[in-house]
């Protein structure tokens, strides 16, 4: 009888351990390849642009194109390396919006650069 009472909690403990390990493995969002990381960063950038613009700018013209280069630092921090385009206001807005995200990844991706082409046309996004 004593043996049965000690086995039941042990079996329940082992079952809970496997269930918990399954949940932890399912929540792992770390990219495994450079391509996965590129896709994950692009999803983060789209989320950044969906949020409303802050009123930092006197000039309201944010139309144009820009090339945003993002770099993975040796400590795993993902940061904006450069924003190149003809519209200075757009460049400034892009850099500030992207920098608001606190993005980190595995240090195995250190030194990788990702360049994204951003096109913003406010006329097409306005509805009458």
N, C-alpha and C. Protein backbone atom coordinates (compact mmCIF):
# COMPACT_ATOMS: atom_id res chain seq x y z
N UNK A 1 0.82 -1.19 0.00
CA UNK A 1 0.00 0.00 0.00
C UNK A 1 0.86 1.26 0.00
N UNK A 2 1.91 1.24 0.82
CA UNK A 2 2.81 2.38 0.89
C UNK A 2 3.50 2.62 -0.46
N UNK A 3 3.82 1.53 -1.14
CA UNK A 3 4.48 1.60 -2.45
C UNK A 3 3.56 2.28 -3.47
N UNK A 4 2.28 1.96 -3.46
CA UNK A 4 1.31 2.53 -4.38
C UNK A 4 1.14 4.03 -4.14
N UNK A 5 1.13 4.45 -2.89
CA UNK A 5 0.96 5.86 -2.57
C UNK A 5 2.15 6.69 -3.05
N UNK A 6 3.33 6.14 -3.07
CA UNK A 6 4.51 6.89 -3.52
C UNK A 6 4.66 6.86 -5.04
N UNK A 7 4.14 5.84 -5.68
CA UNK A 7 4.24 5.72 -7.13
C UNK A 7 3.31 6.70 -7.83
N UNK A 8 2.11 6.89 -7.33
CA UNK A 8 1.12 7.76 -7.98
C UNK A 8 1.64 9.20 -8.12
N UNK A 9 2.16 9.83 -7.05
CA UNK A 9 2.70 11.19 -7.24
C UNK A 9 3.89 11.23 -8.20
N UNK A 10 4.71 10.18 -8.20
CA UNK A 10 5.86 10.13 -9.10
C UNK A 10 5.39 10.06 -10.55
N UNK A 11 4.39 9.24 -10.84
CA UNK A 11 3.86 9.11 -12.20
C UNK A 11 3.22 10.43 -12.64
N UNK A 12 2.46 11.04 -11.75
CA UNK A 12 1.84 12.34 -12.07
C UNK A 12 2.91 13.39 -12.33
N UNK A 13 3.98 13.39 -11.55
CA UNK A 13 5.09 14.32 -11.75
C UNK A 13 5.75 14.15 -13.10
N UNK A 14 5.99 12.90 -13.51
CA UNK A 14 6.61 12.62 -14.80
C UNK A 14 5.69 13.07 -15.94
N UNK A 15 4.40 12.80 -15.82
CA UNK A 15 3.45 13.22 -16.85
C UNK A 15 3.44 14.75 -16.97
N UNK A 16 3.41 15.44 -15.84
CA UNK A 16 3.42 16.91 -15.86
C UNK A 16 4.71 17.45 -16.48
N UNK A 17 5.83 16.76 -16.22
CA UNK A 17 7.10 17.18 -16.80
C UNK A 17 7.06 17.11 -18.32
N UNK A 18 6.51 16.03 -18.86
CA UNK A 18 6.41 15.90 -20.32
C UNK A 18 5.45 16.93 -20.92
N UNK A 19 4.34 17.17 -20.25
CA UNK A 19 3.38 18.16 -20.75
C UNK A 19 4.00 19.55 -20.75
N UNK A 20 4.70 19.92 -19.67
CA UNK A 20 5.35 21.23 -19.58
C UNK A 20 6.43 21.37 -20.65
N UNK A 21 7.21 20.31 -20.85
CA UNK A 21 8.26 20.36 -21.87
C UNK A 21 7.66 20.56 -23.26
N UNK A 22 6.51 19.96 -23.52
CA UNK A 22 5.84 20.14 -24.81
C UNK A 22 5.40 21.57 -25.02
N UNK A 23 4.86 22.22 -23.97
CA UNK A 23 4.45 23.62 -24.08
C UNK A 23 5.65 24.53 -24.30
N UNK A 24 6.74 24.29 -23.60
CA UNK A 24 7.93 25.13 -23.76
C UNK A 24 8.47 25.00 -25.17
N UNK A 25 8.50 23.79 -25.69
CA UNK A 25 9.00 23.59 -27.05
C UNK A 25 8.09 24.26 -28.07
N UNK A 26 6.79 24.24 -27.85
CA UNK A 26 5.84 24.84 -28.79
C UNK A 26 5.95 26.36 -28.81
N UNK A 27 6.35 26.99 -27.72
CA UNK A 27 6.44 28.44 -27.64
C UNK A 27 7.77 28.98 -28.16
N UNK A 28 8.66 28.14 -28.61
CA UNK A 28 9.97 28.58 -29.08
C UNK A 28 9.82 29.32 -30.40
N UNK A 29 10.06 30.62 -30.37
CA UNK A 29 9.93 31.43 -31.58
C UNK A 29 11.28 31.82 -32.16
N UNK A 30 12.34 31.23 -31.67
CA UNK A 30 13.67 31.54 -32.19
C UNK A 30 13.82 31.04 -33.62
N UNK A 31 14.28 31.89 -34.51
CA UNK A 31 14.51 31.42 -35.89
C UNK A 31 15.68 30.45 -35.93
N UNK A 32 15.58 29.47 -36.82
CA UNK A 32 16.65 28.49 -36.92
C UNK A 32 17.60 28.78 -38.08
N UNK A 33 17.14 29.56 -39.05
CA UNK A 33 17.99 29.89 -40.20
C UNK A 33 17.96 31.41 -40.43
N UNK A 34 18.87 31.86 -41.25
CA UNK A 34 18.93 33.28 -41.61
C UNK A 34 17.65 33.69 -42.34
N UNK A 35 17.14 32.80 -43.17
CA UNK A 35 15.90 33.08 -43.90
C UNK A 35 14.72 33.25 -42.93
N UNK A 36 14.67 32.39 -41.90
CA UNK A 36 13.62 32.53 -40.88
C UNK A 36 13.74 33.86 -40.15
N UNK A 37 14.97 34.26 -39.84
CA UNK A 37 15.19 35.53 -39.15
C UNK A 37 14.75 36.70 -40.03
N UNK A 38 15.09 36.66 -41.32
CA UNK A 38 14.68 37.72 -42.25
C UNK A 38 13.16 37.84 -42.28
N UNK A 39 12.48 36.72 -42.33
CA UNK A 39 11.01 36.72 -42.36
C UNK A 39 10.45 37.27 -41.04
N UNK A 40 11.03 36.87 -39.92
CA UNK A 40 10.54 37.32 -38.62
C UNK A 40 10.73 38.83 -38.46
N UNK A 41 11.87 39.35 -38.91
CA UNK A 41 12.10 40.80 -38.83
C UNK A 41 11.10 41.53 -39.72
N UNK A 42 10.84 41.00 -40.91
CA UNK A 42 9.88 41.67 -41.80
C UNK A 42 8.49 41.71 -41.18
N UNK A 43 8.09 40.65 -40.47
CA UNK A 43 6.80 40.66 -39.78
C UNK A 43 6.78 41.72 -38.69
N UNK A 44 7.88 41.87 -37.97
CA UNK A 44 7.96 42.89 -36.92
C UNK A 44 7.86 44.29 -37.53
N UNK A 45 8.50 44.51 -38.68
CA UNK A 45 8.45 45.81 -39.34
C UNK A 45 7.04 46.14 -39.80
N UNK A 46 6.33 45.16 -40.33
CA UNK A 46 4.95 45.40 -40.76
C UNK A 46 4.10 45.80 -39.55
N UNK A 47 4.31 45.14 -38.41
CA UNK A 47 3.58 45.49 -37.20
C UNK A 47 3.89 46.92 -36.75
N UNK A 48 5.14 47.33 -36.89
CA UNK A 48 5.53 48.69 -36.51
C UNK A 48 4.79 49.71 -37.36
N UNK A 49 4.67 49.44 -38.65
CA UNK A 49 4.05 50.41 -39.55
C UNK A 49 2.53 50.43 -39.42
N UNK A 50 1.95 49.42 -38.82
CA UNK A 50 0.50 49.42 -38.61
C UNK A 50 0.11 50.33 -37.45
N UNK A 51 1.04 50.60 -36.55
CA UNK A 51 0.72 51.46 -35.41
C UNK A 51 0.65 52.91 -35.87
N UNK A 52 -0.12 53.75 -35.17
CA UNK A 52 -0.27 55.14 -35.61
C UNK A 52 1.04 55.92 -35.54
N UNK A 53 1.15 56.91 -36.41
CA UNK A 53 2.35 57.76 -36.42
C UNK A 53 2.32 58.73 -35.26
N UNK A 54 3.47 58.94 -34.67
CA UNK A 54 3.58 59.98 -33.65
C UNK A 54 3.70 61.33 -34.35
N UNK A 55 3.32 62.37 -33.67
CA UNK A 55 3.37 63.70 -34.27
C UNK A 55 4.74 64.32 -33.98
N UNK A 56 5.74 63.87 -34.70
CA UNK A 56 7.09 64.41 -34.58
C UNK A 56 7.40 65.39 -35.70
N UNK A 57 6.58 65.40 -36.72
CA UNK A 57 6.97 66.02 -37.96
C UNK A 57 6.08 67.20 -38.31
N UNK A 58 6.69 68.32 -38.67
CA UNK A 58 5.93 69.46 -39.14
C UNK A 58 5.53 69.24 -40.59
N UNK A 59 6.44 68.64 -41.35
CA UNK A 59 6.15 68.32 -42.75
C UNK A 59 5.35 67.02 -42.76
N UNK A 60 4.26 67.03 -43.46
CA UNK A 60 3.37 65.86 -43.47
C UNK A 60 3.62 64.94 -44.66
N UNK A 61 4.51 65.32 -45.55
CA UNK A 61 4.77 64.51 -46.73
C UNK A 61 5.68 63.33 -46.37
N UNK A 62 5.08 62.16 -46.29
CA UNK A 62 5.84 60.96 -45.99
C UNK A 62 5.87 60.02 -47.19
N UNK A 63 5.52 60.54 -48.38
CA UNK A 63 5.55 59.72 -49.58
C UNK A 63 6.99 59.49 -50.02
N UNK A 64 7.24 58.31 -50.54
CA UNK A 64 8.56 58.04 -51.10
C UNK A 64 9.00 56.61 -50.87
N UNK A 65 10.27 56.39 -51.20
CA UNK A 65 10.89 55.09 -51.06
C UNK A 65 12.12 55.22 -50.18
N UNK A 66 12.42 54.15 -49.48
CA UNK A 66 13.63 54.13 -48.65
C UNK A 66 14.13 52.69 -48.56
N UNK A 67 15.41 52.57 -48.37
CA UNK A 67 16.04 51.28 -48.13
C UNK A 67 16.53 51.27 -46.69
N UNK A 68 15.99 50.34 -45.92
CA UNK A 68 16.32 50.23 -44.50
C UNK A 68 17.25 49.04 -44.33
N UNK A 69 18.43 49.29 -43.75
CA UNK A 69 19.37 48.21 -43.47
C UNK A 69 19.38 47.97 -41.98
N UNK A 70 19.15 46.72 -41.61
CA UNK A 70 19.10 46.30 -40.21
C UNK A 70 20.24 45.32 -39.98
N UNK A 71 20.94 45.47 -38.85
CA UNK A 71 22.10 44.66 -38.54
C UNK A 71 21.90 43.94 -37.22
N UNK A 72 22.41 42.71 -37.14
CA UNK A 72 22.42 41.97 -35.88
C UNK A 72 23.78 42.20 -35.24
N UNK A 73 23.76 42.80 -34.06
CA UNK A 73 24.99 43.12 -33.34
C UNK A 73 25.57 41.84 -32.70
N UNK A 74 26.86 41.88 -32.26
CA UNK A 74 27.48 40.69 -31.65
C UNK A 74 26.74 40.17 -30.42
N UNK A 75 26.04 41.04 -29.69
CA UNK A 75 25.30 40.59 -28.51
C UNK A 75 23.89 40.10 -28.85
N UNK A 76 23.50 40.12 -30.14
CA UNK A 76 22.19 39.65 -30.56
C UNK A 76 21.15 40.74 -30.74
N UNK A 77 21.50 41.98 -30.39
CA UNK A 77 20.57 43.10 -30.55
C UNK A 77 20.40 43.40 -32.03
N UNK A 78 19.15 43.59 -32.45
CA UNK A 78 18.84 43.93 -33.84
C UNK A 78 18.58 45.43 -33.88
N UNK A 79 19.36 46.14 -34.69
CA UNK A 79 19.21 47.59 -34.74
C UNK A 79 19.29 48.11 -36.17
N UNK A 80 18.79 49.34 -36.34
CA UNK A 80 18.80 49.99 -37.64
C UNK A 80 20.22 50.47 -37.92
N UNK A 81 20.76 50.04 -39.04
CA UNK A 81 22.10 50.48 -39.45
C UNK A 81 22.01 51.76 -40.27
N UNK A 82 21.08 51.79 -41.23
CA UNK A 82 20.92 52.99 -42.05
C UNK A 82 19.55 53.01 -42.71
N UNK A 83 19.11 54.21 -43.04
CA UNK A 83 17.89 54.42 -43.81
C UNK A 83 18.25 55.39 -44.93
N UNK A 84 18.16 54.93 -46.17
CA UNK A 84 18.54 55.74 -47.32
C UNK A 84 17.35 55.98 -48.22
N UNK A 85 17.09 57.23 -48.52
CA UNK A 85 16.00 57.60 -49.41
C UNK A 85 16.03 59.10 -49.66
N UNK A 86 15.22 59.57 -50.60
CA UNK A 86 15.21 60.98 -50.96
C UNK A 86 14.42 61.85 -49.98
N UNK A 87 13.44 61.28 -49.30
CA UNK A 87 12.58 62.04 -48.40
C UNK A 87 13.15 61.95 -46.97
N UNK A 88 13.74 63.04 -46.51
CA UNK A 88 14.36 63.06 -45.18
C UNK A 88 13.34 62.79 -44.08
N UNK A 89 12.13 63.32 -44.22
CA UNK A 89 11.09 63.12 -43.20
C UNK A 89 10.71 61.65 -43.12
N UNK A 90 10.56 61.00 -44.26
CA UNK A 90 10.26 59.57 -44.28
C UNK A 90 11.40 58.78 -43.65
N UNK A 91 12.63 59.11 -43.99
CA UNK A 91 13.79 58.41 -43.42
C UNK A 91 13.80 58.52 -41.90
N UNK A 92 13.57 59.72 -41.41
CA UNK A 92 13.56 59.96 -39.96
C UNK A 92 12.46 59.16 -39.29
N UNK A 93 11.27 59.19 -39.88
CA UNK A 93 10.13 58.46 -39.32
C UNK A 93 10.42 56.97 -39.27
N UNK A 94 10.97 56.42 -40.35
CA UNK A 94 11.27 54.99 -40.39
C UNK A 94 12.27 54.61 -39.31
N UNK A 95 13.32 55.40 -39.17
CA UNK A 95 14.34 55.08 -38.18
C UNK A 95 13.75 55.11 -36.77
N UNK A 96 12.94 56.13 -36.47
CA UNK A 96 12.34 56.23 -35.13
C UNK A 96 11.36 55.10 -34.87
N UNK A 97 10.51 54.79 -35.85
CA UNK A 97 9.51 53.75 -35.66
C UNK A 97 10.15 52.38 -35.46
N UNK A 98 11.16 52.07 -36.26
CA UNK A 98 11.81 50.76 -36.14
C UNK A 98 12.59 50.67 -34.84
N UNK A 99 13.21 51.76 -34.44
CA UNK A 99 14.00 51.76 -33.21
C UNK A 99 13.15 51.60 -31.96
N UNK A 100 11.83 51.84 -32.07
CA UNK A 100 10.97 51.66 -30.90
C UNK A 100 10.83 50.18 -30.53
N UNK A 101 11.06 49.30 -31.47
CA UNK A 101 11.01 47.86 -31.18
C UNK A 101 12.31 47.45 -30.51
N UNK A 102 12.21 46.65 -29.48
CA UNK A 102 13.39 46.14 -28.79
C UNK A 102 13.60 44.71 -29.28
N UNK A 103 14.28 44.57 -30.41
CA UNK A 103 14.42 43.27 -31.07
C UNK A 103 15.77 42.62 -30.73
N UNK A 104 15.72 41.35 -30.38
CA UNK A 104 16.90 40.56 -30.06
C UNK A 104 16.79 39.21 -30.74
N UNK A 105 17.93 38.57 -31.01
CA UNK A 105 17.95 37.22 -31.56
C UNK A 105 19.17 36.49 -31.03
N UNK A 106 19.34 35.27 -31.48
CA UNK A 106 20.49 34.45 -31.08
C UNK A 106 21.78 35.09 -31.60
N UNK A 107 22.84 34.98 -30.83
CA UNK A 107 24.13 35.58 -31.23
C UNK A 107 24.76 34.87 -32.43
N UNK A 108 24.24 33.70 -32.81
CA UNK A 108 24.80 33.01 -33.98
C UNK A 108 24.53 33.79 -35.27
N UNK A 109 23.58 34.74 -35.24
CA UNK A 109 23.28 35.56 -36.41
C UNK A 109 24.04 36.88 -36.40
N UNK A 110 24.96 37.06 -35.47
CA UNK A 110 25.72 38.31 -35.36
C UNK A 110 26.44 38.62 -36.68
N UNK A 111 26.36 39.88 -37.07
CA UNK A 111 27.04 40.33 -38.28
C UNK A 111 26.18 40.28 -39.54
N UNK A 112 25.04 39.66 -39.48
CA UNK A 112 24.17 39.60 -40.66
C UNK A 112 23.46 40.95 -40.85
N UNK A 113 23.37 41.38 -42.10
CA UNK A 113 22.65 42.59 -42.48
C UNK A 113 21.44 42.20 -43.32
N UNK A 114 20.34 42.90 -43.10
CA UNK A 114 19.13 42.68 -43.87
C UNK A 114 18.67 44.03 -44.41
N UNK A 115 18.41 44.10 -45.71
CA UNK A 115 17.96 45.35 -46.32
C UNK A 115 16.53 45.15 -46.82
N UNK A 116 15.69 46.12 -46.47
CA UNK A 116 14.29 46.09 -46.84
C UNK A 116 13.96 47.34 -47.65
N UNK A 117 13.17 47.17 -48.69
CA UNK A 117 12.73 48.27 -49.54
C UNK A 117 11.35 48.69 -49.06
N UNK A 118 11.22 49.92 -48.59
CA UNK A 118 9.95 50.43 -48.06
C UNK A 118 9.42 51.48 -49.02
N UNK A 119 8.17 51.32 -49.43
CA UNK A 119 7.51 52.28 -50.31
C UNK A 119 6.27 52.77 -49.58
N UNK A 120 6.17 54.09 -49.43
CA UNK A 120 5.01 54.67 -48.76
C UNK A 120 4.37 55.68 -49.70
N UNK A 121 3.08 55.46 -49.98
CA UNK A 121 2.31 56.37 -50.83
C UNK A 121 1.01 56.67 -50.10
N UNK A 122 0.94 57.82 -49.49
CA UNK A 122 -0.23 58.20 -48.69
C UNK A 122 -1.48 58.39 -49.54
N UNK A 123 -1.33 58.78 -50.79
CA UNK A 123 -2.50 59.02 -51.65
C UNK A 123 -3.30 57.75 -51.85
N UNK A 124 -2.61 56.62 -52.00
CA UNK A 124 -3.30 55.35 -52.20
C UNK A 124 -3.96 54.85 -50.92
N UNK A 125 -3.42 55.23 -49.76
CA UNK A 125 -3.96 54.71 -48.51
C UNK A 125 -5.11 55.55 -47.99
N UNK A 126 -5.34 56.77 -48.52
CA UNK A 126 -6.47 57.61 -48.07
C UNK A 126 -7.74 57.15 -48.76
N UNK A 127 -8.82 57.15 -47.99
CA UNK A 127 -10.11 56.77 -48.56
C UNK A 127 -11.03 57.96 -48.53
N UNK A 128 -11.86 58.11 -49.55
CA UNK A 128 -12.78 59.25 -49.63
C UNK A 128 -14.04 58.98 -48.85
